[in-house]
PDB file of N, CA and C in Angstrom:
ATOM      1  N   ILE A   1       0.858  -1.166   0.000  1.00  0.00           N
ATOM      2  CA  ILE A   1       0.000   0.000   0.000  1.00  0.00           C
ATOM      3  C   ILE A   1       0.899   1.222   0.000  1.00  0.00           C
ATOM      4  N   LEU A   2       0.584   2.159  -0.846  1.00  0.00           N
ATOM      5  CA  LEU A   2       1.356   3.370  -1.002  1.00  0.00           C
ATOM      6  C   LEU A   2       0.539   4.541  -0.507  1.00  0.00           C
ATOM      7  N   GLU A   3       1.133   5.394   0.330  1.00  0.00           N
ATOM      8  CA  GLU A   3       0.447   6.581   0.797  1.00  0.00           C
ATOM      9  C   GLU A   3       0.944   7.762   0.012  1.00  0.00           C
ATOM     10  N   VAL A   4       0.028   8.523  -0.540  1.00  0.00           N
ATOM     11  CA  VAL A   4       0.360   9.656  -1.384  1.00  0.00           C
ATOM     12  C   VAL A   4      -0.249  10.898  -0.782  1.00  0.00           C
ATOM     13  N   GLY A   5       0.533  11.967  -0.735  1.00  0.00           N
ATOM     14  CA  GLY A   5       0.020  13.237  -0.236  1.00  0.00           C
ATOM     15  C   GLY A   5      -0.746  13.952  -1.326  1.00  0.00           C
ATOM     16  N   ALA A   6      -1.898  14.485  -0.987  1.00  0.00           N
ATOM     17  CA  ALA A   6      -2.716  15.230  -1.933  1.00  0.00           C
ATOM     18  C   ALA A   6      -2.775  16.672  -1.463  1.00  0.00           C
ATOM     19  N   SER A   7      -2.292  17.594  -2.297  1.00  0.00           N
ATOM     20  CA  SER A   7      -2.362  19.000  -1.918  1.00  0.00           C
ATOM     21  C   SER A   7      -3.460  19.674  -2.721  1.00  0.00           C
ATOM     22  N   GLY A   8      -4.126  20.606  -2.115  1.00  0.00           N
ATOM     23  CA  GLY A   8      -5.245  21.266  -2.754  1.00  0.00           C
ATOM     24  C   GLY A   8      -4.854  22.380  -3.692  1.00  0.00           C
ATOM     25  N   ASP A   9      -3.598  22.889  -3.607  1.00  0.00           N
ATOM     26  CA  ASP A   9      -3.229  24.025  -4.440  1.00  0.00           C
ATOM     27  C   ASP A   9      -2.711  23.625  -5.809  1.00  0.00           C
ATOM     28  N   GLY A  10      -2.280  22.371  -5.994  1.00  0.00           N
ATOM     29  CA  GLY A  10      -1.882  21.875  -7.302  1.00  0.00           C
ATOM     30  C   GLY A  10      -0.524  22.351  -7.763  1.00  0.00           C
ATOM     31  N   ASP A  11       0.279  22.996  -6.887  1.00  0.00           N
ATOM     32  CA  ASP A  11       1.575  23.470  -7.338  1.00  0.00           C
ATOM     33  C   ASP A  11       2.690  22.459  -7.142  1.00  0.00           C
ATOM     34  N   GLY A  12       2.411  21.367  -6.423  1.00  0.00           N
ATOM     35  CA  GLY A  12       3.405  20.329  -6.221  1.00  0.00           C
ATOM     36  C   GLY A  12       4.503  20.738  -5.248  1.00  0.00           C
ATOM     37  N   GLN A  13       4.364  21.852  -4.564  1.00  0.00           N
ATOM     38  CA  GLN A  13       5.375  22.362  -3.654  1.00  0.00           C
ATOM     39  C   GLN A  13       4.865  22.281  -2.224  1.00  0.00           C
ATOM     40  N   GLY A  14       4.710  21.100  -1.676  1.00  0.00           N
ATOM     41  CA  GLY A  14       4.213  20.932  -0.321  1.00  0.00           C
ATOM     42  C   GLY A  14       5.151  21.533   0.704  1.00  0.00           C
ATOM     43  N   GLN A  15       4.629  21.999   1.802  1.00  0.00           N
ATOM     44  CA  GLN A  15       5.417  22.588   2.880  1.00  0.00           C
ATOM     45  C   GLN A  15       5.470  21.609   4.037  1.00  0.00           C
ATOM     46  N   GLY A  16       6.535  20.835   4.142  1.00  0.00           N
ATOM     47  CA  GLY A  16       6.700  19.933   5.271  1.00  0.00           C
ATOM     48  C   GLY A  16       5.873  18.664   5.175  1.00  0.00           C
ATOM     49  N   GLY A  17       5.322  18.347   4.040  1.00  0.00           N
ATOM     50  CA  GLY A  17       4.558  17.119   3.865  1.00  0.00           C
ATOM     51  C   GLY A  17       3.076  17.343   4.077  1.00  0.00           C
ATOM     52  N   PRO A  18       2.257  16.416   3.596  1.00  0.00           N
ATOM     53  CA  PRO A  18       0.807  16.562   3.702  1.00  0.00           C
ATOM     54  C   PRO A  18       0.307  16.288   5.107  1.00  0.00           C
ATOM     55  N   ALA A  19      -0.802  16.905   5.435  1.00  0.00           N
ATOM     56  CA  ALA A  19      -1.451  16.636   6.718  1.00  0.00           C
ATOM     57  C   ALA A  19      -2.087  15.257   6.671  1.00  0.00           C
ATOM     58  N   ALA A  20      -2.384  14.700   7.827  1.00  0.00           N
ATOM     59  CA  ALA A  20      -2.933  13.342   7.897  1.00  0.00           C
ATOM     60  C   ALA A  20      -4.257  13.220   7.160  1.00  0.00           C
ATOM     61  N   ASP A  21      -5.066  14.281   7.129  1.00  0.00           N
ATOM     62  CA  ASP A  21      -6.355  14.189   6.453  1.00  0.00           C
ATOM     63  C   ASP A  21      -6.232  14.337   4.939  1.00  0.00           C
ATOM     64  N   GLU A  22      -5.017  14.610   4.422  1.00  0.00           N
ATOM     65  CA  GLU A  22      -4.809  14.747   2.981  1.00  0.00           C
ATOM     66  C   GLU A  22      -4.178  13.512   2.350  1.00  0.00           C
ATOM     67  N   LEU A  23      -3.900  12.470   3.134  1.00  0.00           N
ATOM     68  CA  LEU A  23      -3.275  11.271   2.598  1.00  0.00           C
ATOM     69  C   LEU A  23      -4.292  10.416   1.851  1.00  0.00           C
ATOM     70  N   VAL A  24      -3.849   9.870   0.723  1.00  0.00           N
ATOM     71  CA  VAL A  24      -4.661   8.976  -0.086  1.00  0.00           C
ATOM     72  C   VAL A  24      -3.930   7.650  -0.147  1.00  0.00           C
ATOM     73  N   ARG A  25      -4.623   6.567   0.103  1.00  0.00           N
ATOM     74  CA  ARG A  25      -3.998   5.242   0.033  1.00  0.00           C
ATOM     75  C   ARG A  25      -4.351   4.574  -1.281  1.00  0.00           C
ATOM     76  N   ILE A  26      -3.334   4.023  -1.928  1.00  0.00           N
ATOM     77  CA  ILE A  26      -3.505   3.328  -3.189  1.00  0.00           C
ATOM     78  C   ILE A  26      -2.923   1.934  -3.031  1.00  0.00           C
ATOM     79  N   ASP A  27      -3.727   0.913  -3.288  1.00  0.00           N
ATOM     80  CA  ASP A  27      -3.310  -0.474  -3.140  1.00  0.00           C
ATOM     81  C   ASP A  27      -2.694  -0.942  -4.457  1.00  0.00           C
ATOM     82  N   ILE A  28      -1.373  -1.200  -4.448  1.00  0.00           N
ATOM     83  CA  ILE A  28      -0.692  -1.640  -5.674  1.00  0.00           C
ATOM     84  C   ILE A  28       0.023  -2.972  -5.469  1.00  0.00           C
ATOM     85  N   VAL A  29      -0.461  -3.790  -4.537  1.00  0.00           N
ATOM     86  CA  VAL A  29       0.161  -5.092  -4.322  1.00  0.00           C
ATOM     87  C   VAL A  29      -0.081  -5.987  -5.530  1.00  0.00           C
ATOM     88  N   SER A  30       0.667  -7.057  -5.624  1.00  0.00           N
ATOM     89  CA  SER A  30       0.625  -7.912  -6.809  1.00  0.00           C
ATOM     90  C   SER A  30      -0.755  -8.512  -7.072  1.00  0.00           C
ATOM     91  N   GLY A  31      -1.596  -8.653  -6.077  1.00  0.00           N
ATOM     92  CA  GLY A  31      -2.916  -9.218  -6.277  1.00  0.00           C
ATOM     93  C   GLY A  31      -3.944  -8.209  -6.760  1.00  0.00           C
ATOM     94  N   SER A  32      -3.533  -6.975  -6.959  1.00  0.00           N
ATOM     95  CA  SER A  32      -4.460  -5.915  -7.373  1.00  0.00           C
ATOM     96  C   SER A  32      -4.384  -5.704  -8.883  1.00  0.00           C
ATOM     97  N   LYS A  33      -4.940  -6.627  -9.626  1.00  0.00           N
ATOM     98  CA  LYS A  33      -4.913  -6.501 -11.088  1.00  0.00           C
ATOM     99  C   LYS A  33      -5.654  -5.248 -11.518  1.00  0.00           C
ATOM    100  N   GLY A  34      -5.041  -4.508 -12.414  1.00  0.00           N
ATOM    101  CA  GLY A  34      -5.663  -3.302 -12.927  1.00  0.00           C
ATOM    102  C   GLY A  34      -5.396  -2.068 -12.083  1.00  0.00           C
ATOM    103  N   ALA A  35      -4.669  -2.213 -10.969  1.00  0.00           N
ATOM    104  CA  ALA A  35      -4.377  -1.056 -10.126  1.00  0.00           C
ATOM    105  C   ALA A  35      -3.388  -0.125 -10.810  1.00  0.00           C
ATOM    106  N   VAL A  36      -2.506  -0.687 -11.632  1.00  0.00           N
ATOM    107  CA  VAL A  36      -1.513   0.102 -12.360  1.00  0.00           C
ATOM    108  C   VAL A  36      -1.670  -0.185 -13.845  1.00  0.00           C
ATOM    109  N   SER A  37      -1.729   0.862 -14.636  1.00  0.00           N
ATOM    110  CA  SER A  37      -1.777   0.716 -16.094  1.00  0.00           C
ATOM    111  C   SER A  37      -0.411   1.082 -16.652  1.00  0.00           C
ATOM    112  N   PHE A  38       0.190   0.163 -17.377  1.00  0.00           N
ATOM    113  CA  PHE A  38       1.500   0.418 -17.966  1.00  0.00           C
ATOM    114  C   PHE A  38       1.340   0.856 -19.412  1.00  0.00           C
ATOM    115  N   VAL A  39       2.149   1.837 -19.796  1.00  0.00           N
ATOM    116  CA  VAL A  39       2.120   2.383 -21.151  1.00  0.00           C
ATOM    117  C   VAL A  39       2.846   1.448 -22.108  1.00  0.00           C
ATOM    118  N   ASN A  40       3.925   0.837 -21.641  1.00  0.00           N
ATOM    119  CA  ASN A  40       4.735  -0.011 -22.508  1.00  0.00           C
ATOM    120  C   ASN A  40       5.159  -1.275 -21.767  1.00  0.00           C
ATOM    121  N   ASN A  41       5.653  -2.234 -22.544  1.00  0.00           N
ATOM    122  CA  ASN A  41       6.175  -3.483 -21.997  1.00  0.00           C
ATOM    123  C   ASN A  41       7.440  -3.802 -22.785  1.00  0.00           C
ATOM    124  N   LEU A  42       8.588  -3.611 -22.163  1.00  0.00           N
ATOM    125  CA  LEU A  42       9.858  -3.791 -22.847  1.00  0.00           C
ATOM    126  C   LEU A  42      10.100  -5.228 -23.284  1.00  0.00           C
ATOM    127  N   GLU A  43       9.445  -6.191 -22.654  1.00  0.00           N
ATOM    128  CA  GLU A  43       9.652  -7.591 -22.997  1.00  0.00           C
ATOM    129  C   GLU A  43       8.782  -8.054 -24.164  1.00  0.00           C
ATOM    130  N   LYS A  44       7.679  -7.352 -24.450  1.00  0.00           N
ATOM    131  CA  LYS A  44       6.739  -7.830 -25.469  1.00  0.00           C
ATOM    132  C   LYS A  44       6.507  -6.865 -26.617  1.00  0.00           C
ATOM    133  N   ASP A  45       6.721  -5.571 -26.433  1.00  0.00           N
ATOM    134  CA  ASP A  45       6.425  -4.595 -27.488  1.00  0.00           C
ATOM    135  C   ASP A  45       7.433  -4.698 -28.634  1.00  0.00           C
ATOM    136  N   ALA A  46       6.952  -4.503 -29.845  1.00  0.00           N
ATOM    137  CA  ALA A  46       7.767  -4.685 -31.050  1.00  0.00           C
ATOM    138  C   ALA A  46       8.940  -3.708 -31.138  1.00  0.00           C
ATOM    139  N   GLN A  47       8.780  -2.492 -30.643  1.00  0.00           N
ATOM    140  CA  GLN A  47       9.853  -1.505 -30.802  1.00  0.00           C
ATOM    141  C   GLN A  47      11.100  -1.839 -29.981  1.00  0.00           C
ATOM    142  N   TYR A  48      11.004  -2.794 -29.055  1.00  0.00           N
ATOM    143  CA  TYR A  48      12.145  -3.175 -28.230  1.00  0.00           C
ATOM    144  C   TYR A  48      12.710  -4.548 -28.600  1.00  0.00           C
ATOM    145  N   LYS A  49      12.225  -5.153 -29.676  1.00  0.00           N
ATOM    146  CA  LYS A  49      12.637  -6.511 -30.054  1.00  0.00           C
ATOM    147  C   LYS A  49      14.128  -6.601 -30.378  1.00  0.00           C
ATOM    148  N   LYS A  50      14.731  -5.528 -30.895  1.00  0.00           N
ATOM    149  CA  LYS A  50      16.145  -5.570 -31.286  1.00  0.00           C
ATOM    150  C   LYS A  50      17.086  -5.382 -30.097  1.00  0.00           C
ATOM    151  N   TRP A  51      16.552  -5.011 -28.962  1.00  0.00           N
ATOM    152  CA  TRP A  51      17.385  -4.833 -27.772  1.00  0.00           C
ATOM    153  C   TRP A  51      17.769  -6.197 -27.206  1.00  0.00           C
ATOM    154  N   PRO A  52      18.957  -6.315 -26.617  1.00  0.00           N
ATOM    155  CA  PRO A  52      19.350  -7.609 -26.041  1.00  0.00           C
ATOM    156  C   PRO A  52      18.501  -7.965 -24.822  1.00  0.00           C
ATOM    157  N   LYS A  53      18.316  -9.261 -24.610  1.00  0.00           N
ATOM    158  CA  LYS A  53      17.546  -9.744 -23.463  1.00  0.00           C
ATOM    159  C   LYS A  53      18.450 -10.227 -22.323  1.00  0.00           C
ATOM    160  N   GLN A  54      19.719 -10.476 -22.615  1.00  0.00           N
ATOM    161  CA  GLN A  54      20.627 -11.062 -21.635  1.00  0.00           C
ATOM    162  C   GLN A  54      20.985 -10.053 -20.539  1.00  0.00           C
ATOM    163  N   LEU A  55      20.872 -10.489 -19.300  1.00  0.00           N
ATOM    164  CA  LEU A  55      21.207  -9.638 -18.166  1.00  0.00           C
ATOM    165  C   LEU A  55      22.706  -9.394 -18.036  1.00  0.00           C
ATOM    166  N   ARG A  56      23.515 -10.187 -18.734  1.00  0.00           N
ATOM    167  CA  ARG A  56      24.960  -9.966 -18.660  1.00  0.00           C
ATOM    168  C   ARG A  56      25.357  -8.607 -19.239  1.00  0.00           C
ATOM    169  N   GLN A  57      24.463  -7.986 -19.987  1.00  0.00           N
ATOM    170  CA  GLN A  57      24.713  -6.637 -20.497  1.00  0.00           C
ATOM    171  C   GLN A  57      24.934  -5.654 -19.353  1.00  0.00           C
ATOM    172  N   LEU A  58      24.392  -5.965 -18.188  1.00  0.00           N
ATOM    173  CA  LEU A  58      24.562  -5.100 -17.019  1.00  0.00           C
ATOM    174  C   LEU A  58      25.993  -5.095 -16.506  1.00  0.00           C
ATOM    175  N   MET A  59      26.778  -6.086 -16.889  1.00  0.00           N
ATOM    176  CA  MET A  59      28.164  -6.165 -16.447  1.00  0.00           C
ATOM    177  C   MET A  59      29.070  -5.184 -17.182  1.00  0.00           C
ATOM    178  N   TYR A  60      28.645  -4.721 -18.348  1.00  0.00           N
ATOM    179  CA  TYR A  60      29.460  -3.802 -19.134  1.00  0.00           C
ATOM    180  C   TYR A  60      29.289  -2.382 -18.606  1.00  0.00           C
ATOM    181  N   PRO A  61      30.379  -1.605 -18.585  1.00  0.00           N
ATOM    182  CA  PRO A  61      30.264  -0.230 -18.081  1.00  0.00           C
ATOM    183  C   PRO A  61      29.374   0.622 -18.984  1.00  0.00           C
ATOM    184  N   SER A  62      28.629   1.503 -18.345  1.00  0.00           N
ATOM    185  CA  SER A  62      27.727   2.375 -19.090  1.00  0.00           C
ATOM    186  C   SER A  62      27.490   3.643 -18.276  1.00  0.00           C
ATOM    187  N   TRP A  63      27.334   4.749 -18.946  1.00  0.00           N
ATOM    188  CA  TRP A  63      27.035   6.024 -18.296  1.00  0.00           C
ATOM    189  C   TRP A  63      25.565   6.342 -18.362  1.00  0.00           C
ATOM    190  N   GLN A  64      24.764   5.380 -18.738  1.00  0.00           N
ATOM    191  CA  GLN A  64      23.318   5.561 -18.848  1.00  0.00           C
ATOM    192  C   GLN A  64      22.639   4.247 -18.490  1.00  0.00           C
ATOM    193  N   LEU A  65      21.318   4.234 -18.492  1.00  0.00           N
ATOM    194  CA  LEU A  65      20.592   2.995 -18.246  1.00  0.00           C
ATOM    195  C   LEU A  65      20.858   2.028 -19.391  1.00  0.00           C
ATOM    196  N   HIS A  66      21.039   0.768 -19.063  1.00  0.00           N
ATOM    197  CA  HIS A  66      21.266  -0.247 -20.091  1.00  0.00           C
ATOM    198  C   HIS A  66      19.976  -0.506 -20.851  1.00  0.00           C
ATOM    199  N   SER A  67      20.068  -0.549 -22.161  1.00  0.00           N
ATOM    200  CA  SER A  67      18.896  -0.829 -23.001  1.00  0.00           C
ATOM    201  C   SER A  67      18.720  -2.330 -23.120  1.00  0.00           C
ATOM    202  N   LEU A  68      17.905  -2.885 -22.256  1.00  0.00           N
ATOM    203  CA  LEU A  68      17.590  -4.308 -22.257  1.00  0.00           C
ATOM    204  C   LEU A  68      16.121  -4.497 -22.574  1.00  0.00           C
ATOM    205  N   SER A  69      15.811  -5.564 -23.260  1.00  0.00           N
ATOM    206  CA  SER A  69      14.424  -5.893 -23.543  1.00  0.00           C
ATOM    207  C   SER A  69      13.840  -6.649 -22.353  1.00  0.00           C
ATOM    208  N   ARG A  70      13.966  -6.029 -21.183  1.00  0.00           N
ATOM    209  CA  ARG A  70      13.461  -6.575 -19.923  1.00  0.00           C
ATOM    210  C   ARG A  70      12.807  -5.436 -19.148  1.00  0.00           C
ATOM    211  N   ASN A  71      11.802  -5.749 -18.377  1.00  0.00           N
ATOM    212  CA  ASN A  71      11.148  -4.747 -17.536  1.00  0.00           C
ATOM    213  C   ASN A  71      11.960  -4.571 -16.254  1.00  0.00           C
ATOM    214  N   LEU A  72      13.198  -4.140 -16.413  1.00  0.00           N
ATOM    215  CA  LEU A  72      14.125  -4.008 -15.306  1.00  0.00           C
ATOM    216  C   LEU A  72      13.923  -2.697 -14.552  1.00  0.00           C
ATOM    217  N   TYR A  73      13.736  -1.610 -15.285  1.00  0.00           N
ATOM    218  CA  TYR A  73      13.528  -0.292 -14.690  1.00  0.00           C
ATOM    219  C   TYR A  73      12.056   0.085 -14.857  1.00  0.00           C
ATOM    220  N   THR A  74      11.429   0.510 -13.786  1.00  0.00           N
ATOM    221  CA  THR A  74      10.009   0.861 -13.827  1.00  0.00           C
ATOM    222  C   THR A  74       9.808   2.224 -13.190  1.00  0.00           C
ATOM    223  N   LEU A  75       9.043   3.069 -13.851  1.00  0.00           N
ATOM    224  CA  LEU A  75       8.669   4.377 -13.323  1.00  0.00           C
ATOM    225  C   LEU A  75       7.162   4.375 -13.142  1.00  0.00           C
ATOM    226  N   MET A  76       6.724   4.489 -11.890  1.00  0.00           N
ATOM    227  CA  MET A  76       5.289   4.547 -11.605  1.00  0.00           C
ATOM    228  C   MET A  76       4.974   5.936 -11.087  1.00  0.00           C
ATOM    229  N   MET A  77       3.984   6.559 -11.673  1.00  0.00           N
ATOM    230  CA  MET A  77       3.612   7.914 -11.291  1.00  0.00           C
ATOM    231  C   MET A  77       2.161   7.946 -10.838  1.00  0.00           C
ATOM    232  N   VAL A  78       1.918   8.586  -9.715  1.00  0.00           N
ATOM    233  CA  VAL A  78       0.564   8.844  -9.235  1.00  0.00           C
ATOM    234  C   VAL A  78       0.394  10.347  -9.336  1.00  0.00           C
ATOM    235  N   ILE A  79      -0.377  10.776 -10.333  1.00  0.00           N
ATOM    236  CA  ILE A  79      -0.480  12.210 -10.587  1.00  0.00           C
ATOM    237  C   ILE A  79      -1.924  12.623 -10.783  1.00  0.00           C
ATOM    238  N   ASP A  80      -2.158  13.902 -10.668  1.00  0.00           N
ATOM    239  CA  ASP A  80      -3.453  14.497 -10.963  1.00  0.00           C
ATOM    240  C   ASP A  80      -3.288  15.287 -12.258  1.00  0.00           C
ATOM    241  N   PRO A  81      -3.790  14.765 -13.381  1.00  0.00           N
ATOM    242  CA  PRO A  81      -3.578  15.443 -14.660  1.00  0.00           C
ATOM    243  C   PRO A  81      -4.346  16.752 -14.811  1.00  0.00           C
ATOM    244  N   THR A  82      -5.159  17.100 -13.828  1.00  0.00           N
ATOM    245  CA  THR A  82      -5.892  18.362 -13.912  1.00  0.00           C
ATOM    246  C   THR A  82      -5.089  19.519 -13.320  1.00  0.00           C
ATOM    247  N   THR A  83      -3.905  19.221 -12.769  1.00  0.00           N
ATOM    248  CA  THR A  83      -3.070  20.281 -12.209  1.00  0.00           C
ATOM    249  C   THR A  83      -1.917  20.583 -13.151  1.00  0.00           C
ATOM    250  N   GLU A  84      -1.319  21.732 -12.974  1.00  0.00           N
ATOM    251  CA  GLU A  84      -0.182  22.126 -13.801  1.00  0.00           C
ATOM    252  C   GLU A  84       1.011  21.196 -13.558  1.00  0.00           C
ATOM    253  N   ALA A  85       1.246  20.842 -12.296  1.00  0.00           N
ATOM    254  CA  ALA A  85       2.344  19.936 -11.963  1.00  0.00           C
ATOM    255  C   ALA A  85       2.098  18.540 -12.548  1.00  0.00           C
ATOM    256  N   GLY A  86       0.852  18.093 -12.538  1.00  0.00           N
ATOM    257  CA  GLY A  86       0.516  16.795 -13.109  1.00  0.00           C
ATOM    258  C   GLY A  86       0.733  16.749 -14.607  1.00  0.00           C
ATOM    259  N   LEU A  87       0.350  17.819 -15.295  1.00  0.00           N
ATOM    260  CA  LEU A  87       0.574  17.887 -16.744  1.00  0.00           C
ATOM    261  C   LEU A  87       2.055  17.933 -17.080  1.00  0.00           C
ATOM    262  N   ALA A  88       2.835  18.663 -16.284  1.00  0.00           N
ATOM    263  CA  ALA A  88       4.284  18.719 -16.506  1.00  0.00           C
ATOM    264  C   ALA A  88       4.906  17.336 -16.324  1.00  0.00           C
ATOM    265  N   ALA A  89       4.450  16.580 -15.320  1.00  0.00           N
ATOM    266  CA  ALA A  89       4.961  15.223 -15.090  1.00  0.00           C
ATOM    267  C   ALA A  89       4.596  14.305 -16.251  1.00  0.00           C
ATOM    268  N   LEU A  90       3.378  14.429 -16.769  1.00  0.00           N
ATOM    269  CA  LEU A  90       2.974  13.623 -17.935  1.00  0.00           C
ATOM    270  C   LEU A  90       3.796  13.958 -19.167  1.00  0.00           C
ATOM    271  N   GLN A  91       4.087  15.234 -19.369  1.00  0.00           N
ATOM    272  CA  GLN A  91       4.902  15.642 -20.513  1.00  0.00           C
ATOM    273  C   GLN A  91       6.316  15.092 -20.399  1.00  0.00           C
ATOM    274  N   GLN A  92       6.861  15.088 -19.194  1.00  0.00           N
ATOM    275  CA  GLN A  92       8.201  14.536 -18.990  1.00  0.00           C
ATOM    276  C   GLN A  92       8.211  13.036 -19.267  1.00  0.00           C
ATOM    277  N   MET A  93       7.177  12.324 -18.791  1.00  0.00           N
ATOM    278  CA  MET A  93       7.087  10.899 -19.039  1.00  0.00           C
ATOM    279  C   MET A  93       6.944  10.615 -20.536  1.00  0.00           C
ATOM    280  N   GLU A  94       6.145  11.410 -21.228  1.00  0.00           N
ATOM    281  CA  GLU A  94       5.974  11.233 -22.669  1.00  0.00           C
ATOM    282  C   GLU A  94       7.289  11.456 -23.415  1.00  0.00           C
ATOM    283  N   SER A  95       8.045  12.437 -22.986  1.00  0.00           N
ATOM    284  CA  SER A  95       9.340  12.704 -23.613  1.00  0.00           C
ATOM    285  C   SER A  95      10.292  11.526 -23.433  1.00  0.00           C
ATOM    286  N   LEU A  96      10.351  10.977 -22.235  1.00  0.00           N
ATOM    287  CA  LEU A  96      11.203   9.814 -21.985  1.00  0.00           C
ATOM    288  C   LEU A  96      10.765   8.617 -22.822  1.00  0.00           C
ATOM    289  N   TYR A  97       9.461   8.430 -22.943  1.00  0.00           N
ATOM    290  CA  TYR A  97       8.924   7.320 -23.739  1.00  0.00           C
ATOM    291  C   TYR A  97       9.305   7.463 -25.216  1.00  0.00           C
ATOM    292  N   HIS A  98       9.148   8.660 -25.767  1.00  0.00           N
ATOM    293  CA  HIS A  98       9.447   8.870 -27.190  1.00  0.00           C
ATOM    294  C   HIS A  98      10.941   8.821 -27.483  1.00  0.00           C
ATOM    295  N   HIS A  99      11.770   9.072 -26.487  1.00  0.00           N
ATOM    296  CA  HIS A  99      13.217   8.977 -26.678  1.00  0.00           C
ATOM    297  C   HIS A  99      13.739   7.566 -26.384  1.00  0.00           C
ATOM    298  N   MET A 100      12.822   6.621 -26.239  1.00  0.00           N
ATOM    299  CA  MET A 100      13.141   5.200 -26.090  1.00  0.00           C
ATOM    300  C   MET A 100      14.009   4.904 -24.861  1.00  0.00           C
ATOM    301  N   TYR A 101      13.732   5.563 -23.748  1.00  0.00           N
ATOM    302  CA  TYR A 101      14.423   5.200 -22.514  1.00  0.00           C
ATOM    303  C   TYR A 101      14.013   3.787 -22.131  1.00  0.00           C
ATOM    304  N   PRO A 102      14.938   2.982 -21.625  1.00  0.00           N
ATOM    305  CA  PRO A 102      14.620   1.590 -21.295  1.00  0.00           C
ATOM    306  C   PRO A 102      13.870   1.461 -19.965  1.00  0.00           C
ATOM    307  N   VAL A 103      12.735   2.119 -19.891  1.00  0.00           N
ATOM    308  CA  VAL A 103      11.948   2.170 -18.660  1.00  0.00           C
ATOM    309  C   VAL A 103      10.512   1.784 -18.968  1.00  0.00           C
ATOM    310  N   ARG A 104       9.924   0.981 -18.088  1.00  0.00           N
ATOM    311  CA  ARG A 104       8.494   0.667 -18.195  1.00  0.00           C
ATOM    312  C   ARG A 104       7.733   1.756 -17.441  1.00  0.00           C
ATOM    313  N   PHE A 105       6.808   2.403 -18.120  1.00  0.00           N
ATOM    314  CA  PHE A 105       6.082   3.533 -17.533  1.00  0.00           C
ATOM    315  C   PHE A 105       4.699   3.100 -17.100  1.00  0.00           C
ATOM    316  N   GLY A 106       4.325   3.463 -15.881  1.00  0.00           N
ATOM    317  CA  GLY A 106       3.003   3.130 -15.359  1.00  0.00           C
ATOM    318  C   GLY A 106       2.448   4.220 -14.507  1.00  0.00           C
TER     319      GLY A 106
END
């Protein structure tokens, strides 16, 4: 279970964390099918088929995330798309997706 702070001003700049009455609980345990929607799947989507699947690629030095056809890196975002901060977060995620970052987005 993940606790997320909800602020009413929508600026994403909380002061000292959310109050207890502003916390929202989201159940994302493995038995909660449909709790998280993923945009991509690095193991099954066609655009990642040419990427290597072997984990030994992680042994090679790299200054960036390794491009593996595995759901190794995951970015999960809980956002409110009706706020300015939420839209900015969605735009950043879309940019990473279009630049083929080796991350599963949810």
